[in-house]
Every structure is written in C-alpha cells, then in structure tokens.
Protein backbone atom coordinates (compact mmCIF):
# COMPACT_ATOMS: atom_id res chain seq x y z
CA MET A 1 62.58 -25.69 -38.66
CA THR A 2 63.45 -24.82 -42.22
CA LYS A 3 60.96 -25.05 -45.04
CA PRO A 4 60.87 -28.44 -46.85
CA ALA A 5 63.48 -28.88 -49.54
CA LEU A 6 62.64 -32.47 -50.50
CA VAL A 7 59.50 -34.61 -50.40
CA ILE A 8 60.19 -38.34 -49.99
CA PHE A 9 57.31 -40.60 -51.01
CA ASP A 10 56.86 -44.18 -49.95
CA CYS A 11 55.44 -46.16 -52.88
CA ASP A 12 53.00 -48.89 -51.79
CA GLY A 13 49.91 -47.35 -50.22
CA VAL A 14 51.10 -43.79 -50.94
CA LEU A 15 51.65 -43.60 -54.69
CA VAL A 16 49.92 -46.84 -55.73
CA ASP A 17 46.99 -48.61 -54.06
CA SER A 18 48.85 -51.91 -53.87
CA GLU A 19 48.67 -53.05 -50.26
CA PRO A 20 45.46 -55.17 -50.48
CA ILE A 21 46.87 -56.97 -53.53
CA SER A 22 50.27 -57.51 -51.90
CA ILE A 23 48.83 -58.83 -48.65
CA ALA A 24 46.45 -61.19 -50.49
CA VAL A 25 49.29 -62.67 -52.55
CA LEU A 26 51.54 -62.97 -49.48
CA LEU A 27 48.81 -64.70 -47.46
CA ASP A 28 48.24 -67.13 -50.32
CA MET A 29 51.92 -68.12 -50.27
CA ILE A 30 51.87 -68.49 -46.48
CA ALA A 31 48.70 -70.59 -46.59
CA ARG A 32 50.25 -73.03 -49.06
CA SER A 33 52.94 -73.70 -46.43
CA GLY A 34 50.28 -74.74 -43.93
CA THR A 35 50.52 -71.54 -41.87
CA THR A 36 47.38 -69.52 -41.33
CA LEU A 37 47.44 -65.79 -40.69
CA SER A 38 44.56 -63.34 -40.76
CA GLU A 39 44.61 -60.27 -42.97
CA GLU A 40 44.64 -58.11 -39.84
CA GLU A 41 47.69 -59.94 -38.45
CA ALA A 42 49.48 -59.66 -41.79
CA TYR A 43 48.94 -55.90 -42.00
CA GLU A 44 50.11 -55.44 -38.41
CA MET A 45 53.32 -57.43 -38.90
CA PHE A 46 54.28 -56.78 -42.50
CA LEU A 47 52.97 -53.40 -43.68
CA GLY A 48 55.80 -51.23 -44.95
CA ARG A 49 58.49 -53.88 -44.50
CA SER A 50 60.84 -55.38 -47.08
CA MET A 51 60.49 -58.95 -48.30
CA ALA A 52 63.77 -59.77 -46.58
CA THR A 53 62.32 -58.60 -43.26
CA ILE A 54 59.01 -60.40 -43.88
CA SER A 55 60.86 -63.64 -44.66
CA LYS A 56 62.88 -63.28 -41.45
CA ILE A 57 59.72 -62.78 -39.36
CA LEU A 58 58.01 -65.79 -40.96
CA HIS A 59 61.04 -67.95 -40.29
CA GLU A 60 61.66 -66.83 -36.71
CA ASP A 61 58.04 -66.59 -35.52
CA TYR A 62 56.29 -69.27 -37.59
CA GLY A 63 59.01 -71.67 -38.67
CA PHE A 64 58.26 -71.03 -42.35
CA ALA A 65 61.37 -70.65 -44.48
CA ALA A 66 60.26 -69.33 -47.86
CA SER A 67 62.31 -70.97 -50.61
CA ALA A 68 63.60 -69.18 -53.68
CA ALA A 69 60.87 -70.95 -55.66
CA ASP A 70 58.20 -69.76 -53.19
CA LEU A 71 59.37 -66.17 -53.53
CA GLU A 72 59.60 -66.35 -57.32
CA ASP A 73 56.08 -67.80 -57.57
CA MET A 74 54.78 -65.09 -55.27
CA ARG A 75 56.50 -62.39 -57.32
CA ALA A 76 55.02 -63.76 -60.56
CA ASN A 77 51.53 -63.88 -59.01
CA LEU A 78 51.93 -60.39 -57.60
CA TYR A 79 53.03 -58.88 -60.90
CA ALA A 80 50.15 -60.59 -62.72
CA ARG A 81 47.70 -59.13 -60.20
CA PHE A 82 49.33 -55.71 -60.54
CA ARG A 83 48.96 -55.80 -64.32
CA ALA A 84 45.28 -56.69 -63.95
CA ASP A 85 44.20 -54.61 -60.96
CA LEU A 86 46.74 -52.02 -59.75
CA LYS A 87 45.52 -48.42 -59.56
CA PRO A 88 47.25 -45.19 -58.54
CA ILE A 89 46.24 -43.49 -55.32
CA PRO A 90 43.45 -41.08 -56.29
CA GLY A 91 44.78 -37.60 -56.94
CA ILE A 92 48.47 -38.51 -56.89
CA ALA A 93 49.18 -37.60 -60.53
CA GLU A 94 47.59 -34.16 -60.09
CA THR A 95 49.54 -33.69 -56.86
CA LEU A 96 52.87 -34.57 -58.46
CA HIS A 97 52.18 -32.12 -61.28
CA GLN A 98 51.40 -29.36 -58.76
CA LEU A 99 54.33 -29.89 -56.42
CA ASP A 100 57.04 -27.29 -56.86
CA LEU A 101 59.49 -29.14 -54.59
CA PRO A 102 62.07 -31.80 -55.48
CA ARG A 103 60.70 -35.29 -54.85
CA CYS A 104 61.88 -38.89 -54.75
CA VAL A 105 60.62 -42.37 -53.89
CA ALA A 106 61.98 -44.47 -51.00
CA SER A 107 60.29 -47.86 -50.80
CA SER A 108 60.80 -51.18 -49.06
CA SER A 109 60.02 -52.95 -52.35
CA GLN A 110 62.61 -54.13 -54.86
CA PRO A 111 63.55 -51.72 -57.67
CA ASP A 112 61.84 -53.74 -60.43
CA ARG A 113 58.60 -53.89 -58.46
CA ILE A 114 58.68 -50.14 -57.73
CA ARG A 115 59.21 -49.25 -61.37
CA LEU A 116 56.57 -51.74 -62.59
CA SER A 117 54.04 -50.29 -60.12
CA LEU A 118 54.77 -46.74 -61.21
CA LYS A 119 54.78 -47.62 -64.91
CA LEU A 120 51.44 -49.46 -64.73
CA THR A 121 49.84 -46.48 -62.98
CA GLY A 122 51.31 -43.80 -65.26
CA LEU A 123 53.52 -42.27 -62.57
CA LEU A 124 57.00 -43.40 -63.56
CA ASP A 125 57.85 -40.39 -65.74
CA LEU A 126 56.85 -38.07 -62.88
CA LEU A 127 59.35 -39.65 -60.48
CA GLU A 128 62.31 -41.02 -62.44
CA PRO A 129 65.22 -41.25 -61.88
CA ASN A 130 65.06 -40.60 -58.12
CA ILE A 131 63.82 -44.00 -56.96
CA PHE A 132 65.40 -45.70 -53.94
CA SER A 133 64.83 -49.23 -52.65
CA ALA A 134 65.52 -50.95 -49.34
CA THR A 135 67.80 -53.27 -51.33
CA MET A 136 70.23 -50.32 -51.53
CA VAL A 137 70.84 -50.18 -47.76
CA LYS A 138 71.78 -52.60 -44.99
CA HIS A 139 68.68 -52.24 -42.85
CA GLY A 140 65.11 -51.69 -44.07
CA LYS A 141 62.34 -49.77 -42.35
CA PRO A 142 61.81 -49.16 -39.41
CA ALA A 143 65.55 -48.43 -39.50
CA PRO A 144 66.28 -44.95 -40.87
CA ASP A 145 68.87 -46.13 -43.42
CA LEU A 146 66.77 -45.85 -46.58
CA PHE A 147 65.51 -42.33 -45.90
CA LEU A 148 68.97 -41.14 -44.92
CA TYR A 149 70.43 -42.67 -48.08
CA ALA A 150 67.80 -41.01 -50.27
CA ALA A 151 68.45 -37.63 -48.63
CA GLN A 152 72.19 -38.04 -49.07
CA VAL A 153 71.87 -38.85 -52.78
CA MET A 154 69.44 -35.96 -53.20
CA ASN A 155 71.93 -33.69 -51.37
CA THR A 156 69.38 -32.61 -48.77
CA PRO A 157 69.82 -32.45 -44.97
CA PRO A 158 67.40 -34.79 -43.14
CA GLU A 159 65.79 -31.91 -41.27
CA ASP A 160 64.80 -30.35 -44.61
CA CYS A 161 62.93 -33.47 -45.77
CA VAL A 162 59.25 -34.34 -45.43
CA VAL A 163 58.36 -38.03 -45.75
CA ILE A 164 54.92 -39.23 -46.90
CA GLU A 165 54.24 -42.63 -45.34
CA ASP A 166 51.34 -45.00 -44.68
CA SER A 167 52.89 -47.58 -42.34
CA PRO A 168 54.04 -47.63 -38.71
CA ALA A 169 57.42 -48.96 -39.86
CA GLY A 170 57.78 -46.05 -42.28
CA ILE A 171 56.71 -43.44 -39.73
CA GLU A 172 59.25 -44.79 -37.25
CA ALA A 173 61.99 -44.83 -39.88
CA ALA A 174 61.34 -41.22 -40.86
CA LYS A 175 61.34 -40.02 -37.26
CA ARG A 176 64.55 -41.92 -36.53
CA ALA A 177 66.08 -40.24 -39.59
CA GLY A 178 65.30 -36.83 -38.08
CA MET A 179 62.78 -35.98 -40.79
CA ARG A 180 59.28 -34.58 -40.62
CA VAL A 181 56.67 -37.12 -41.61
CA PHE A 182 53.09 -36.91 -42.86
CA ALA A 183 50.97 -40.03 -42.34
CA PHE A 184 48.72 -40.82 -45.32
CA THR A 185 45.51 -42.77 -44.75
CA GLY A 186 43.90 -42.59 -48.20
CA GLY A 187 44.78 -46.10 -49.39
CA THR A 188 42.17 -48.85 -49.54
CA HIS A 189 43.95 -50.75 -46.76
CA ALA A 190 43.52 -47.83 -44.33
CA ARG A 191 39.72 -47.96 -44.27
CA GLY A 192 38.15 -48.66 -40.91
CA GLY A 193 40.36 -46.44 -38.77
CA ARG A 194 42.53 -49.12 -37.16
CA LEU A 195 45.64 -48.13 -39.15
CA GLU A 196 45.07 -44.43 -38.51
CA ALA A 197 45.02 -45.09 -34.77
CA ALA A 198 48.30 -47.01 -35.03
CA LEU A 199 49.87 -44.18 -37.03
CA ALA A 200 48.58 -41.52 -34.64
CA SER A 201 50.20 -43.32 -31.71
CA LEU A 202 53.58 -42.66 -33.35
CA GLU A 203 52.90 -38.91 -33.45
CA PRO A 204 53.60 -37.98 -37.08
CA ASP A 205 53.63 -34.28 -37.87
CA LEU A 206 50.15 -34.64 -39.36
CA ILE A 207 47.70 -37.21 -40.71
CA PHE A 208 45.79 -36.71 -43.96
CA GLY A 209 43.61 -38.88 -46.18
CA ASP A 210 43.24 -36.97 -49.46
CA MET A 211 46.34 -36.79 -51.65
CA LEU A 212 45.00 -33.68 -53.38
CA GLU A 213 45.50 -31.85 -50.07
CA LEU A 214 49.25 -32.45 -50.01
CA PRO A 215 50.45 -29.38 -51.99
CA GLY A 216 48.43 -27.11 -49.73
CA LEU A 217 49.65 -28.87 -46.59
CA LEU A 218 53.26 -28.44 -47.68
CA SER A 219 52.67 -24.78 -48.58
CA SER A 220 51.05 -24.23 -45.19
CA LEU A 221 54.03 -25.83 -43.50
CA GLN A 222 56.33 -23.49 -45.40
CA ALA A 223 54.20 -20.49 -44.50
CA ARG A 224 54.15 -21.38 -40.81
CA THR A 225 57.89 -21.94 -40.91
CA ASN A 226 58.48 -18.60 -42.55
CA VAL A 227 56.39 -16.86 -39.88
CA HIS A 228 58.50 -18.39 -37.14
C-alpha cells in the first residue's frame, strides 16, 4: 500500500450534520403520500443514497411515485431547514486546515445542495472547486462510479485514495472502487451504536468518531505504510 495521495470526503454526515434534517424532511414528504415509514427504516434504506435512487426504491417497494412538484416542495423545505438549523460536523474546519493532503468532496447529493450545505457551514472555501456529485455519473453509491470519477479528475490512482464515509452505501462504494475507507460515526444520526455496527460489518479500514482525530489517523497510516 502506498501512502494516501487524496482524501475523498462524503458530505452529508461527514462534513455537515445534515442527516437528521434530511431524513425528517423526506419522511414528511412520504407521509403526505399516505405511506408510513419509521426513522429507523428510512436510515437503513436511504442513508448515503441519491434522490434518484431513493425515488426508485419508494416507487418499486412502496408504490409511491414522487412527482416533480413533490420533489421541488421537499427541496424547498430542506433548504429552509438547512438555513435555519444546519451545523458543520464538530472539528471539521480545524481538520481541513490541518490536512496537508489534497482533498475533494464526493456526495450523493445534487451540486446545488452540496454547495449550499458547505456555504452555510463555512466550509465551501476550504473545498472548492473539487466537488463531485452523483449527478455526474451513471450509477450512484453503492456503485463505485462517483469515487472513481473523482479520483480520475483529481489524477489519483484509486489505491492512493482514502474515503471518509458515514453510510453503508458509501463504504461499499469505496471498497468496490479499490480505495481505503474510514468509517465516520461522529454525526448526530450515528448515536446509539446501530449504524456503527452496520458499518463495522462491511469491514472498513478503521472506524472513528472524532473528526479532530483524522489528521493523526492519516499520518499514522502514512507512517505504517512507510515502515512496510
């Protein structure tokens, strides 16, 4: 293994603490259609997945075909909640300032949502212009397409990348891309241990819950690699 040459960050749940807001807004849209899902079911099915994938699951498994108006209303509600309540993951700004490695964002969200999230939390200037969305590839997570595309644009071999992810779909995508992956469990949605157990079952390279630890973890990985 070579030392990391690129750190690829997921956005929701890794850079910004958005997952509880996103799931609440999604469940509200689903409920208005007459379909009832629990928060636990929603996290299990939808965490880390693109809206296109979520819409497909809702249609195929629950018979709910979200209209363009449904999706636009949900987006407006989500952005309003983001402007009122969205916070960065604790320690992420300090971590980005400390990292001495190239970095980029690869998220299942749409580009405008990614940039709004990062702007509202003061992170956009630390990550522009290297922001990649699932809308840029054919298949979203858990397919490896997005991570492979980001690595290609960043001119970095997959084996030299480390992905920071918080979802089973993202962990699977990173592993299928041939990249090392760190599972992050410091988001509000990860409390209680259920998500950590699901991530652990996918055997990421490591699991950590404090973003301030990331620079040291990456340095340690480099040091171990250099020894071997």
